[in-house]
C-alpha cells in the first residue's frame, strides 16, 4: 500500500527534524571536543561528532531523495 501525500510529507518532516537534531548534537560535541576536552576524550568526542554529522547528512539525503523521486501515479 502506497503512502498518501500527507503521510509522505509527515515522514519527510520527521526525518528532517531528526537530521537537524543530529546535526546540532554533532556540532555541539565537536565544539566541546575541540575546545574543552583534553587527550583521549577529545579524540573520542571528535570521532563521535563526525559520526553524528555524517548520520545527519544521510538521514537528510534519504528524506529529500524520497520526496524527489516520489511516485507520480496519484489517484
PDB file of N, CA and C in Angstrom:
ATOM      1  N   UNK A   1       0.841  -1.166   0.000  1.00  0.00           N
ATOM      2  CA  UNK A   1       0.000   0.000   0.000  1.00  0.00           C
ATOM      3  C   UNK A   1       0.894   1.240   0.000  1.00  0.00           C
ATOM      4  N   UNK A   2       0.678   2.106  -0.959  1.00  0.00           N
ATOM      5  CA  UNK A   2       1.490   3.309  -1.095  1.00  0.00           C
ATOM      6  C   UNK A   2       1.048   4.360  -0.087  1.00  0.00           C
ATOM      7  N   UNK A   3       2.014   5.082   0.473  1.00  0.00           N
ATOM      8  CA  UNK A   3       1.646   6.134   1.430  1.00  0.00           C
ATOM      9  C   UNK A   3       0.982   7.304   0.707  1.00  0.00           C
ATOM     10  N   UNK A   4       0.085   7.966   1.401  1.00  0.00           N
ATOM     11  CA  UNK A   4      -0.593   9.127   0.821  1.00  0.00           C
ATOM     12  C   UNK A   4       0.305  10.351   0.958  1.00  0.00           C
ATOM     13  N   UNK A   5      -0.109  11.431   0.318  1.00  0.00           N
ATOM     14  CA  UNK A   5       0.695  12.656   0.354  1.00  0.00           C
ATOM     15  C   UNK A   5       0.904  13.193   1.771  1.00  0.00           C
ATOM     16  N   UNK A   6      -0.139  13.260   2.621  1.00  0.00           N
ATOM     17  CA  UNK A   6       0.099  13.759   3.981  1.00  0.00           C
ATOM     18  C   UNK A   6       1.043  12.857   4.785  1.00  0.00           C
ATOM     19  N   UNK A   7       0.927  11.540   4.590  1.00  0.00           N
ATOM     20  CA  UNK A   7       1.835  10.621   5.292  1.00  0.00           C
ATOM     21  C   UNK A   7       3.270  10.810   4.820  1.00  0.00           C
ATOM     22  N   UNK A   8       3.428  10.975   3.530  1.00  0.00           N
ATOM     23  CA  UNK A   8       4.766  11.168   2.960  1.00  0.00           C
ATOM     24  C   UNK A   8       5.373  12.478   3.455  1.00  0.00           C
ATOM     25  N   UNK A   9       4.565  13.524   3.512  1.00  0.00           N
ATOM     26  CA  UNK A   9       5.050  14.819   3.992  1.00  0.00           C
ATOM     27  C   UNK A   9       5.407  14.759   5.471  1.00  0.00           C
ATOM     28  N   UNK A  10       4.599  14.053   6.256  1.00  0.00           N
ATOM     29  CA  UNK A  10       4.883  13.922   7.687  1.00  0.00           C
ATOM     30  C   UNK A  10       6.168  13.138   7.911  1.00  0.00           C
ATOM     31  N   UNK A  11       6.370  12.088   7.146  1.00  0.00           N
ATOM     32  CA  UNK A  11       7.595  11.304   7.267  1.00  0.00           C
ATOM     33  C   UNK A  11       8.811  12.143   6.894  1.00  0.00           C
ATOM     34  N   UNK A  12       8.674  12.936   5.842  1.00  0.00           N
ATOM     35  CA  UNK A  12       9.790  13.799   5.421  1.00  0.00           C
ATOM     36  C   UNK A  12      10.119  14.825   6.499  1.00  0.00           C
ATOM     37  N   UNK A  13       9.089  15.459   7.065  1.00  0.00           N
ATOM     38  CA  UNK A  13       9.320  16.449   8.119  1.00  0.00           C
ATOM     39  C   UNK A  13       9.974  15.810   9.347  1.00  0.00           C
ATOM     40  N   UNK A  14       9.528  14.617   9.706  1.00  0.00           N
ATOM     41  CA  UNK A  14      10.097  13.919  10.863  1.00  0.00           C
ATOM     42  C   UNK A  14      11.563  13.588  10.625  1.00  0.00           C
ATOM     43  N   UNK A  15      11.881  13.120   9.425  1.00  0.00           N
ATOM     44  CA  UNK A  15      13.281  12.795   9.114  1.00  0.00           C
ATOM     45  C   UNK A  15      14.151  14.044   9.084  1.00  0.00           C
ATOM     46  N   UNK A  16      13.615  15.131   8.537  1.00  0.00           N
ATOM     47  CA  UNK A  16      14.395  16.371   8.520  1.00  0.00           C
ATOM     48  C   UNK A  16      14.583  16.925   9.928  1.00  0.00           C
ATOM     49  N   UNK A  17      13.589  16.744  10.799  1.00  0.00           N
ATOM     50  CA  UNK A  17      13.728  17.167  12.192  1.00  0.00           C
ATOM     51  C   UNK A  17      14.836  16.368  12.873  1.00  0.00           C
ATOM     52  N   UNK A  18      14.836  15.044  12.697  1.00  0.00           N
ATOM     53  CA  UNK A  18      15.889  14.217  13.295  1.00  0.00           C
ATOM     54  C   UNK A  18      17.259  14.570  12.715  1.00  0.00           C
ATOM     55  N   UNK A  19      17.286  14.893  11.434  1.00  0.00           N
ATOM     56  CA  UNK A  19      18.538  15.298  10.815  1.00  0.00           C
ATOM     57  C   UNK A  19      19.076  16.568  11.468  1.00  0.00           C
ATOM     58  N   UNK A  20      18.208  17.523  11.726  1.00  0.00           N
ATOM     59  CA  UNK A  20      18.618  18.760  12.390  1.00  0.00           C
ATOM     60  C   UNK A  20      19.082  18.529  13.815  1.00  0.00           C
ATOM     61  N   UNK A  21      18.366  17.669  14.537  1.00  0.00           N
ATOM     62  CA  UNK A  21      18.762  17.366  15.911  1.00  0.00           C
ATOM     63  C   UNK A  21      20.141  16.696  15.936  1.00  0.00           C
ATOM     64  N   UNK A  22      20.357  15.749  15.026  1.00  0.00           N
ATOM     65  CA  UNK A  22      21.665  15.085  14.964  1.00  0.00           C
ATOM     66  C   UNK A  22      22.779  16.072  14.595  1.00  0.00           C
ATOM     67  N   UNK A  23      22.479  16.998  13.690  1.00  0.00           N
ATOM     68  CA  UNK A  23      23.478  17.985  13.286  1.00  0.00           C
ATOM     69  C   UNK A  23      23.848  18.908  14.446  1.00  0.00           C
ATOM     70  N   UNK A  24      22.844  19.380  15.188  1.00  0.00           N
ATOM     71  CA  UNK A  24      23.126  20.259  16.323  1.00  0.00           C
ATOM     72  C   UNK A  24      23.924  19.509  17.390  1.00  0.00           C
ATOM     73  N   UNK A  25      23.536  18.268  17.662  1.00  0.00           N
ATOM     74  CA  UNK A  25      24.277  17.467  18.640  1.00  0.00           C
ATOM     75  C   UNK A  25      25.713  17.229  18.173  1.00  0.00           C
ATOM     76  N   UNK A  26      25.881  16.979  16.881  1.00  0.00           N
ATOM     77  CA  UNK A  26      27.223  16.773  16.337  1.00  0.00           C
ATOM     78  C   UNK A  26      28.077  18.024  16.427  1.00  0.00           C
ATOM     79  N   UNK A  27      27.497  19.178  16.117  1.00  0.00           N
ATOM     80  CA  UNK A  27      28.262  20.417  16.199  1.00  0.00           C
ATOM     81  C   UNK A  27      28.616  20.770  17.644  1.00  0.00           C
ATOM     82  N   UNK A  28      27.679  20.533  18.555  1.00  0.00           N
ATOM     83  CA  UNK A  28      27.965  20.799  19.967  1.00  0.00           C
ATOM     84  C   UNK A  28      29.070  19.870  20.485  1.00  0.00           C
ATOM     85  N   UNK A  29      28.993  18.605  20.119  1.00  0.00           N
ATOM     86  CA  UNK A  29      30.022  17.653  20.536  1.00  0.00           C
ATOM     87  C   UNK A  29      31.372  18.015  19.923  1.00  0.00           C
ATOM     88  N   UNK A  30      31.363  18.451  18.683  1.00  0.00           N
ATOM     89  CA  UNK A  30      32.608  18.862  18.035  1.00  0.00           C
ATOM     90  C   UNK A  30      33.208  20.079  18.724  1.00  0.00           C
ATOM     91  N   UNK A  31      32.370  21.040  19.080  1.00  0.00           N
ATOM     92  CA  UNK A  31      32.864  22.231  19.770  1.00  0.00           C
ATOM     93  C   UNK A  31      33.472  21.869  21.119  1.00  0.00           C
ATOM     94  N   UNK A  32      32.817  20.989  21.861  1.00  0.00           N
ATOM     95  CA  UNK A  32      33.352  20.563  23.160  1.00  0.00           C
ATOM     96  C   UNK A  32      34.650  19.786  22.961  1.00  0.00           C
ATOM     97  N   UNK A  33      34.661  18.912  21.963  1.00  0.00           N
ATOM     98  CA  UNK A  33      35.859  18.107  21.713  1.00  0.00           C
ATOM     99  C   UNK A  33      37.054  18.941  21.304  1.00  0.00           C
ATOM    100  N   UNK A  34      36.822  20.031  20.590  1.00  0.00           N
ATOM    101  CA  UNK A  34      37.932  20.856  20.118  1.00  0.00           C
ATOM    102  C   UNK A  34      38.366  21.927  21.114  1.00  0.00           C
ATOM    103  N   UNK A  35      37.482  22.317  22.030  1.00  0.00           N
ATOM    104  CA  UNK A  35      37.829  23.420  22.921  1.00  0.00           C
ATOM    105  C   UNK A  35      38.060  22.997  24.363  1.00  0.00           C
ATOM    106  N   UNK A  36      37.191  22.176  24.917  1.00  0.00           N
ATOM    107  CA  UNK A  36      37.243  21.878  26.344  1.00  0.00           C
ATOM    108  C   UNK A  36      37.958  20.570  26.650  1.00  0.00           C
ATOM    109  N   UNK A  37      37.609  19.518  25.918  1.00  0.00           N
ATOM    110  CA  UNK A  37      38.135  18.186  26.226  1.00  0.00           C
ATOM    111  C   UNK A  37      39.636  18.124  25.975  1.00  0.00           C
ATOM    112  N   UNK A  38      40.269  17.174  26.652  1.00  0.00           N
ATOM    113  CA  UNK A  38      41.714  17.043  26.554  1.00  0.00           C
ATOM    114  C   UNK A  38      42.082  15.568  26.394  1.00  0.00           C
ATOM    115  N   UNK A  39      43.097  15.301  25.624  1.00  0.00           N
ATOM    116  CA  UNK A  39      43.621  13.953  25.498  1.00  0.00           C
ATOM    117  C   UNK A  39      42.709  13.020  24.716  1.00  0.00           C
ATOM    118  N   UNK A  40      42.563  11.814  25.250  1.00  0.00           N
ATOM    119  CA  UNK A  40      41.783  10.779  24.576  1.00  0.00           C
ATOM    120  C   UNK A  40      40.316  11.162  24.476  1.00  0.00           C
ATOM    121  N   UNK A  41      39.790  11.812  25.492  1.00  0.00           N
ATOM    122  CA  UNK A  41      38.385  12.212  25.471  1.00  0.00           C
ATOM    123  C   UNK A  41      38.099  13.149  24.296  1.00  0.00           C
ATOM    124  N   UNK A  42      39.034  14.007  23.988  1.00  0.00           N
ATOM    125  CA  UNK A  42      38.848  14.934  22.867  1.00  0.00           C
ATOM    126  C   UNK A  42      38.758  14.172  21.551  1.00  0.00           C
ATOM    127  N   UNK A  43      39.634  13.192  21.360  1.00  0.00           N
ATOM    128  CA  UNK A  43      39.607  12.405  20.129  1.00  0.00           C
ATOM    129  C   UNK A  43      38.316  11.605  20.007  1.00  0.00           C
ATOM    130  N   UNK A  44      37.849  11.061  21.120  1.00  0.00           N
ATOM    131  CA  UNK A  44      36.607  10.296  21.099  1.00  0.00           C
ATOM    132  C   UNK A  44      35.430  11.217  20.781  1.00  0.00           C
ATOM    133  N   UNK A  45      35.402  12.388  21.384  1.00  0.00           N
ATOM    134  CA  UNK A  45      34.311  13.323  21.114  1.00  0.00           C
ATOM    135  C   UNK A  45      34.322  13.806  19.676  1.00  0.00           C
ATOM    136  N   UNK A  46      35.477  14.055  19.124  1.00  0.00           N
ATOM    137  CA  UNK A  46      35.557  14.487  17.727  1.00  0.00           C
ATOM    138  C   UNK A  46      35.097  13.363  16.808  1.00  0.00           C
ATOM    139  N   UNK A  47      35.471  12.133  17.101  1.00  0.00           N
ATOM    140  CA  UNK A  47      35.032  10.995  16.287  1.00  0.00           C
ATOM    141  C   UNK A  47      33.515  10.825  16.366  1.00  0.00           C
ATOM    142  N   UNK A  48      32.958  10.945  17.568  1.00  0.00           N
ATOM    143  CA  UNK A  48      31.506  10.839  17.726  1.00  0.00           C
ATOM    144  C   UNK A  48      30.811  11.985  16.984  1.00  0.00           C
ATOM    145  N   UNK A  49      31.374  13.167  17.042  1.00  0.00           N
ATOM    146  CA  UNK A  49      30.787  14.316  16.350  1.00  0.00           C
ATOM    147  C   UNK A  49      30.769  14.080  14.841  1.00  0.00           C
ATOM    148  N   UNK A  50      31.839  13.554  14.309  1.00  0.00           N
ATOM    149  CA  UNK A  50      31.896  13.277  12.870  1.00  0.00           C
ATOM    150  C   UNK A  50      30.849  12.229  12.497  1.00  0.00           C
ATOM    151  N   UNK A  51      30.700  11.202  13.318  1.00  0.00           N
ATOM    152  CA  UNK A  51      29.678  10.185  13.055  1.00  0.00           C
ATOM    153  C   UNK A  51      28.266  10.781  13.107  1.00  0.00           C
ATOM    154  N   UNK A  52      28.014  11.648  14.073  1.00  0.00           N
ATOM    155  CA  UNK A  52      26.703  12.298  14.165  1.00  0.00           C
ATOM    156  C   UNK A  52      26.427  13.170  12.943  1.00  0.00           C
ATOM    157  N   UNK A  53      27.420  13.907  12.494  1.00  0.00           N
ATOM    158  CA  UNK A  53      27.231  14.769  11.333  1.00  0.00           C
ATOM    159  C   UNK A  53      27.019  13.960  10.053  1.00  0.00           C
ATOM    160  N   UNK A  54      27.746  12.865   9.906  1.00  0.00           N
ATOM    161  CA  UNK A  54      27.553  12.011   8.735  1.00  0.00           C
ATOM    162  C   UNK A  54      26.183  11.334   8.757  1.00  0.00           C
ATOM    163  N   UNK A  55      25.740  10.908   9.939  1.00  0.00           N
ATOM    164  CA  UNK A  55      24.415  10.319  10.069  1.00  0.00           C
ATOM    165  C   UNK A  55      23.339  11.347   9.748  1.00  0.00           C
ATOM    166  N   UNK A  56      23.535  12.564  10.208  1.00  0.00           N
ATOM    167  CA  UNK A  56      22.596  13.642   9.910  1.00  0.00           C
ATOM    168  C   UNK A  56      22.493  13.865   8.406  1.00  0.00           C
ATOM    169  N   UNK A  57      23.623  13.883   7.735  1.00  0.00           N
ATOM    170  CA  UNK A  57      23.632  14.066   6.291  1.00  0.00           C
ATOM    171  C   UNK A  57      22.908  12.920   5.597  1.00  0.00           C
ATOM    172  N   UNK A  58      23.128  11.688   6.047  1.00  0.00           N
ATOM    173  CA  UNK A  58      22.489  10.526   5.426  1.00  0.00           C
ATOM    174  C   UNK A  58      20.972  10.569   5.606  1.00  0.00           C
ATOM    175  N   UNK A  59      20.505  10.920   6.792  1.00  0.00           N
ATOM    176  CA  UNK A  59      19.061  10.993   7.043  1.00  0.00           C
ATOM    177  C   UNK A  59      18.443  12.085   6.181  1.00  0.00           C
ATOM    178  N   UNK A  60      19.112  13.211   6.073  1.00  0.00           N
ATOM    179  CA  UNK A  60      18.609  14.306   5.247  1.00  0.00           C
ATOM    180  C   UNK A  60      18.581  13.898   3.774  1.00  0.00           C
ATOM    181  N   UNK A  61      19.586  13.200   3.322  1.00  0.00           N
ATOM    182  CA  UNK A  61      19.661  12.744   1.942  1.00  0.00           C
ATOM    183  C   UNK A  61      18.500  11.805   1.622  1.00  0.00           C
ATOM    184  N   UNK A  62      18.228  10.872   2.532  1.00  0.00           N
ATOM    185  CA  UNK A  62      17.134   9.923   2.322  1.00  0.00           C
ATOM    186  C   UNK A  62      15.792  10.655   2.286  1.00  0.00           C
ATOM    187  N   UNK A  63      15.594  11.600   3.182  1.00  0.00           N
ATOM    188  CA  UNK A  63      14.332  12.340   3.225  1.00  0.00           C
ATOM    189  C   UNK A  63      14.115  13.121   1.930  1.00  0.00           C
ATOM    190  N   UNK A  64      15.124  13.759   1.458  1.00  0.00           N
ATOM    191  CA  UNK A  64      14.970  14.560   0.238  1.00  0.00           C
ATOM    192  C   UNK A  64      14.878  13.680  -1.000  1.00  0.00           C
ATOM    193  N   UNK A  65      15.584  12.561  -1.003  1.00  0.00           N
ATOM    194  CA  UNK A  65      15.550  11.657  -2.147  1.00  0.00           C
ATOM    195  C   UNK A  65      14.158  11.063  -2.321  1.00  0.00           C
ATOM    196  N   UNK A  66      13.520  10.664  -1.221  1.00  0.00           N
ATOM    197  CA  UNK A  66      12.179  10.103  -1.311  1.00  0.00           C
ATOM    198  C   UNK A  66      11.182  11.136  -1.812  1.00  0.00           C
ATOM    199  N   UNK A  67      11.381  12.383  -1.479  1.00  0.00           N
ATOM    200  CA  UNK A  67      10.492  13.434  -1.960  1.00  0.00           C
ATOM    201  C   UNK A  67      10.724  13.696  -3.442  1.00  0.00           C
ATOM    202  N   UNK A  68      11.972  13.697  -3.840  1.00  0.00           N
ATOM    203  CA  UNK A  68      12.311  13.990  -5.229  1.00  0.00           C
ATOM    204  C   UNK A  68      11.843  12.899  -6.171  1.00  0.00           C
ATOM    205  N   UNK A  69      12.007  11.650  -5.750  1.00  0.00           N
ATOM    206  CA  UNK A  69      11.665  10.523  -6.623  1.00  0.00           C
ATOM    207  C   UNK A  69      10.357   9.853  -6.183  1.00  0.00           C
ATOM    208  N   UNK A  70       9.431  10.611  -5.687  1.00  0.00           N
ATOM    209  CA  UNK A  70       8.131  10.069  -5.282  1.00  0.00           C
ATOM    210  C   UNK A  70       7.369   9.603  -6.526  1.00  0.00           C
ATOM    211  N   UNK A  71       6.504   8.636  -6.332  1.00  0.00           N
ATOM    212  CA  UNK A  71       5.711   8.129  -7.444  1.00  0.00           C
ATOM    213  C   UNK A  71       4.814   9.218  -8.010  1.00  0.00           C
ATOM    214  N   UNK A  72       4.789   9.319  -9.314  1.00  0.00           N
ATOM    215  CA  UNK A  72       3.936  10.329  -9.943  1.00  0.00           C
ATOM    216  C   UNK A  72       2.532   9.800 -10.170  1.00  0.00           C
ATOM    217  N   UNK A  73       2.309   8.522  -9.927  1.00  0.00           N
ATOM    218  CA  UNK A  73       0.991   7.934 -10.110  1.00  0.00           C
ATOM    219  C   UNK A  73       0.148   8.231  -8.876  1.00  0.00           C
ATOM    220  N   UNK A  74      -0.757   9.170  -9.029  1.00  0.00           N
ATOM    221  CA  UNK A  74      -1.635   9.548  -7.919  1.00  0.00           C
ATOM    222  C   UNK A  74      -3.072   9.416  -8.390  1.00  0.00           C
ATOM    223  N   UNK A  75      -3.926   8.875  -7.549  1.00  0.00           N
ATOM    224  CA  UNK A  75      -5.334   8.704  -7.967  1.00  0.00           C
ATOM    225  C   UNK A  75      -6.071  10.009  -8.081  1.00  0.00           C
TER     226      UNK A  75
END
